[in-house]
Amino acid sequence: MSRTARKHSIETERPRRDPLTKDRVIDAALRIMDAEGVEAVTMRRIGRELGVEAMSLYNHVRDKDDILDGISEAVMSRFEIPPSTGDWPADVRAMAREWRRLLGLHPGVMQLLAERHKPLEGMATYRPMNAALEALSGAGLSSRELAQAFNAMGSYIMGFVMMEQGLMPGRDHHEHVHDHEEVADALREAGLPMLMQCFQYFAECPTDEQFDFGLDLMIAGLRAASARNREERVGP
């Protein structure tokens, strides 16, 4: 076999690396964030994940902030907007559950959104926002109240997911039961009867049940606001 033929054969057999693109950089950064947290997302770490020099990333992204913006937009683009049913409480619940699902898969994005000082530029964020506002609008709220309801609902969902993510990962059932019993004994000795009465349910209530209970409270509040608006429009 000639040298040229051998070289061609080697190049054919050598695995081809996919070309570096901004989407590949963002996907790698998202994988790192999900596995190791936002602080782990650095140019060097992304380059190592992709098998390239960190400097080569700058051919596709401006800087780290550009990557973090890209992560937020990539996550939001995965929001699966539920189809409208015409029943606004059901639609609100569906939107809330989807947001909880997405944040549960990518909890680091909560930190990115909380630390932003300017709106995202891509439309991926705004389509779910628009769908959520459309669902909430069925309650008969004013535009100002819709914005307030959206913020309140979003704060509840993000806070709930933060609580879920912080429930002592890695501890087995026996350790959890032991710690629970120790705290219960301390509460008895401290003379805190109401907390003692409710304490077991903080640990035993399934998170799905807790989440839906909170949604029910918020929707009840929206119904009350809607009823108040109707009364004010009708007048005495």
Protein backbone atom coordinates (compact mmCIF):
# COMPACT_ATOMS: atom_id res chain seq x y z
CA MET A 1 0.00 0.00 0.00
CA SER A 2 1.36 3.44 -0.90
CA ARG A 3 2.07 6.10 1.73
CA THR A 4 -0.83 8.19 0.41
CA ALA A 5 -3.19 5.23 0.59
CA ARG A 6 -2.05 4.39 4.14
CA LYS A 7 -2.57 8.01 5.22
CA HIS A 8 -6.04 8.04 3.69
CA SER A 9 -6.87 4.74 5.45
CA ILE A 10 -5.73 6.07 8.85
CA GLU A 11 -7.70 9.29 8.44
CA THR A 12 -10.77 7.29 7.44
CA GLU A 13 -10.50 5.03 10.51
CA ARG A 14 -9.78 7.88 12.95
CA PRO A 15 -13.01 8.94 14.73
CA ARG A 16 -14.18 12.32 13.54
CA ARG A 17 -14.82 14.95 16.21
CA ASP A 18 -18.01 16.91 15.75
CA PRO A 19 -17.27 20.52 14.87
CA LEU A 20 -17.39 22.96 17.77
CA THR A 21 -20.50 25.17 17.76
CA LYS A 22 -22.17 27.49 20.22
CA ASP A 23 -24.91 24.92 20.81
CA ARG A 24 -22.31 22.28 21.74
CA VAL A 25 -20.62 24.71 24.11
CA ILE A 26 -23.95 25.54 25.80
CA ASP A 27 -24.95 21.88 26.04
CA ALA A 28 -21.62 21.02 27.67
CA ALA A 29 -21.97 23.93 30.10
CA LEU A 30 -25.50 22.80 31.01
CA ARG A 31 -24.28 19.26 31.71
CA ILE A 32 -21.58 20.64 33.99
CA MET A 33 -24.04 22.90 35.81
CA ASP A 34 -26.51 20.06 36.39
CA ALA A 35 -23.79 17.74 37.71
CA GLU A 36 -21.51 20.13 39.59
CA GLY A 37 -23.32 23.44 40.10
CA VAL A 38 -23.11 26.89 38.56
CA GLU A 39 -19.69 27.65 40.07
CA ALA A 40 -18.16 24.74 38.14
CA VAL A 41 -19.08 26.33 34.79
CA THR A 42 -15.74 27.82 33.68
CA MET A 43 -14.11 28.13 30.28
CA ARG A 44 -11.41 25.65 31.27
CA ARG A 45 -13.94 23.13 32.61
CA ILE A 46 -16.08 23.40 29.46
CA GLY A 47 -13.03 23.00 27.26
CA ARG A 48 -12.05 19.86 29.15
CA GLU A 49 -15.58 18.50 28.77
CA LEU A 50 -15.41 19.04 25.01
CA GLY A 51 -11.79 17.97 24.60
CA VAL A 52 -10.62 21.36 23.31
CA GLU A 53 -8.53 24.27 24.54
CA ALA A 54 -10.50 26.86 26.52
CA MET A 55 -9.39 29.62 24.17
CA SER A 56 -11.10 27.93 21.23
CA LEU A 57 -14.47 28.53 22.90
CA TYR A 58 -14.16 32.24 22.23
CA ASN A 59 -14.65 31.54 18.54
CA HIS A 60 -18.27 30.68 19.39
CA VAL A 61 -19.20 32.63 22.56
CA ARG A 62 -18.30 36.11 23.77
CA ASP A 63 -17.51 35.24 27.37
CA LYS A 64 -18.77 33.29 30.37
CA ASP A 65 -21.82 35.55 30.73
CA ASP A 66 -22.77 34.68 27.17
CA ILE A 67 -22.59 31.00 28.12
CA LEU A 68 -24.72 31.50 31.25
CA ASP A 69 -27.32 33.38 29.22
CA GLY A 70 -27.27 30.53 26.73
CA ILE A 71 -27.84 27.99 29.50
CA SER A 72 -30.91 29.89 30.76
CA GLU A 73 -32.35 30.15 27.27
CA ALA A 74 -31.61 26.48 26.53
CA VAL A 75 -33.43 25.38 29.68
CA MET A 76 -36.41 27.64 29.01
CA SER A 77 -36.64 26.34 25.44
CA ARG A 78 -37.34 22.91 26.98
CA PHE A 79 -40.44 24.19 28.75
CA GLU A 80 -43.32 22.09 27.42
CA ILE A 81 -46.27 24.48 27.37
CA PRO A 82 -49.39 22.46 28.30
CA PRO A 83 -52.36 22.76 25.95
CA SER A 84 -55.13 24.99 27.23
CA THR A 85 -58.21 23.20 28.58
CA GLY A 86 -60.38 26.31 28.98
CA ASP A 87 -60.44 25.69 32.76
CA TRP A 88 -58.08 28.33 34.16
CA PRO A 89 -57.32 26.64 37.53
CA ALA A 90 -56.42 23.41 35.70
CA ASP A 91 -54.27 25.35 33.24
CA VAL A 92 -52.50 27.22 36.04
CA ARG A 93 -51.78 23.95 37.83
CA ALA A 94 -50.40 22.39 34.63
CA MET A 95 -48.11 25.36 34.01
CA ALA A 96 -46.88 25.29 37.62
CA ARG A 97 -46.16 21.56 37.51
CA GLU A 98 -44.21 21.93 34.27
CA TRP A 99 -42.11 24.74 35.74
CA ARG A 100 -41.43 22.62 38.81
CA ARG A 101 -40.44 19.67 36.60
CA LEU A 102 -38.04 21.76 34.56
CA LEU A 103 -36.42 23.42 37.57
CA GLY A 104 -36.08 20.04 39.23
CA LEU A 105 -34.05 18.82 36.25
CA HIS A 106 -31.92 21.98 36.10
CA PRO A 107 -31.97 23.60 39.59
CA GLY A 108 -28.91 25.71 38.83
CA VAL A 109 -30.95 27.85 36.46
CA MET A 110 -32.75 29.35 39.48
CA GLN A 111 -29.47 30.88 40.60
CA LEU A 112 -28.79 32.19 37.10
CA LEU A 113 -32.22 33.82 36.85
CA ALA A 114 -32.02 35.26 40.36
CA GLU A 115 -28.61 36.85 39.73
CA ARG A 116 -29.52 38.45 36.40
CA HIS A 117 -29.65 42.24 36.21
CA LYS A 118 -31.20 42.45 32.75
CA PRO A 119 -33.82 40.49 30.77
CA LEU A 120 -32.80 37.59 28.57
CA GLU A 121 -32.63 38.43 24.89
CA GLY A 122 -34.03 35.21 23.43
CA MET A 123 -37.74 34.47 23.06
CA ALA A 124 -37.42 31.07 24.76
CA THR A 125 -38.08 32.70 28.15
CA TYR A 126 -41.01 34.81 27.09
CA ARG A 127 -43.21 32.17 25.45
CA PRO A 128 -43.74 30.26 28.73
CA MET A 129 -44.28 33.59 30.53
CA ASN A 130 -46.94 34.54 28.00
CA ALA A 131 -48.62 31.14 28.32
CA ALA A 132 -48.63 31.40 32.12
CA LEU A 133 -50.16 34.88 31.97
CA GLU A 134 -52.82 33.63 29.57
CA ALA A 135 -53.69 30.83 32.00
CA LEU A 136 -53.84 33.26 34.94
CA SER A 137 -55.95 35.71 32.96
CA GLY A 138 -58.89 33.35 33.24
CA ALA A 139 -59.22 34.44 36.87
CA GLY A 140 -60.44 37.85 35.72
CA LEU A 141 -57.57 39.89 37.13
CA SER A 142 -56.32 43.28 35.99
CA SER A 143 -53.02 43.48 34.13
CA ARG A 144 -51.31 44.72 37.30
CA GLU A 145 -52.77 41.87 39.32
CA LEU A 146 -51.74 39.38 36.62
CA ALA A 147 -48.11 40.50 36.93
CA GLN A 148 -48.32 40.23 40.72
CA ALA A 149 -49.94 36.80 40.52
CA PHE A 150 -47.26 35.63 38.09
CA ASN A 151 -44.48 36.80 40.43
CA ALA A 152 -46.13 35.25 43.48
CA MET A 153 -46.68 31.92 41.72
CA GLY A 154 -43.14 31.88 40.36
CA SER A 155 -41.68 32.65 43.78
CA TYR A 156 -43.67 29.82 45.32
CA ILE A 157 -42.55 27.30 42.71
CA MET A 158 -38.89 28.29 42.84
CA GLY A 159 -38.91 28.28 46.64
CA PHE A 160 -40.54 24.87 46.70
CA VAL A 161 -37.99 23.39 44.29
CA MET A 162 -35.17 24.85 46.39
CA MET A 163 -36.67 23.10 49.41
CA GLU A 164 -36.95 19.84 47.47
CA GLN A 165 -33.36 20.02 46.29
CA GLY A 166 -32.10 20.69 49.81
CA LEU A 167 -33.66 17.68 51.53
CA MET A 168 -30.42 16.11 52.75
CA PRO A 169 -29.43 14.10 49.65
CA GLY A 170 -27.57 10.88 50.22
CA ARG A 171 -28.99 10.10 53.67
CA ASP A 172 -30.68 6.74 53.99
CA HIS A 173 -34.07 6.10 55.56
CA HIS A 174 -32.70 4.89 58.92
CA GLU A 175 -30.54 7.99 59.37
CA HIS A 176 -33.50 10.18 58.53
CA VAL A 177 -35.78 8.40 61.03
CA HIS A 178 -33.11 8.61 63.73
CA ASP A 179 -32.61 12.34 63.25
CA HIS A 180 -36.38 12.89 63.21
CA GLU A 181 -36.80 11.05 66.51
CA GLU A 182 -34.01 13.05 68.15
CA VAL A 183 -35.63 16.35 67.17
CA ALA A 184 -39.04 15.09 68.33
CA ASP A 185 -37.59 14.26 71.77
CA ALA A 186 -36.07 17.74 71.99
CA LEU A 187 -39.41 19.35 71.11
CA ARG A 188 -41.19 17.40 73.86
CA GLU A 189 -38.65 18.56 76.42
CA ALA A 190 -38.89 22.17 75.20
CA GLY A 191 -42.66 22.28 75.73
CA LEU A 192 -43.68 23.26 72.19
CA PRO A 193 -47.00 21.39 71.83
CA MET A 194 -48.27 22.87 68.56
CA LEU A 195 -44.98 22.26 66.76
CA MET A 196 -44.85 18.77 68.25
CA GLN A 197 -48.39 18.12 67.01
CA CYS A 198 -47.46 19.03 63.41
CA PHE A 199 -43.81 18.00 63.34
CA GLN A 200 -44.24 14.50 61.91
CA TYR A 201 -46.06 15.85 58.85
CA PHE A 202 -43.16 18.08 57.84
CA ALA A 203 -41.16 14.95 57.12
CA GLU A 204 -43.87 12.47 56.16
CA CYS A 205 -46.04 14.48 53.75
CA PRO A 206 -45.14 13.55 50.12
CA THR A 207 -43.65 16.46 48.20
CA ASP A 208 -46.23 16.16 45.39
CA GLU A 209 -49.01 16.49 47.95
CA GLN A 210 -47.30 19.48 49.55
CA PHE A 211 -46.84 21.17 46.20
CA ASP A 212 -50.46 20.71 45.17
CA PHE A 213 -51.67 21.93 48.57
CA GLY A 214 -49.73 25.15 48.06
CA LEU A 215 -51.13 25.52 44.55
CA ASP A 216 -54.65 25.09 45.91
CA LEU A 217 -54.04 27.90 48.42
CA MET A 218 -52.76 30.23 45.69
CA ILE A 219 -55.64 29.43 43.35
CA ALA A 220 -58.11 30.04 46.18
CA GLY A 221 -56.50 33.45 46.63
CA LEU A 222 -56.88 34.17 42.90
CA ARG A 223 -60.54 33.18 43.06
CA ALA A 224 -61.03 35.57 45.98
CA ALA A 225 -59.33 38.41 44.08
CA SER A 226 -61.48 37.69 41.04
CA ALA A 227 -64.67 37.73 43.13
CA ARG A 228 -63.62 41.04 44.73
CA ASN A 229 -63.05 42.56 41.28
CA ARG A 230 -66.52 41.48 40.13
CA GLU A 231 -68.12 43.02 43.21
CA GLU A 232 -66.26 46.29 42.66
CA ARG A 233 -67.37 46.44 39.03
CA VAL A 234 -71.00 45.84 39.96
CA GLY A 235 -70.85 48.33 42.82
CA PRO A 236 -73.23 48.74 45.75
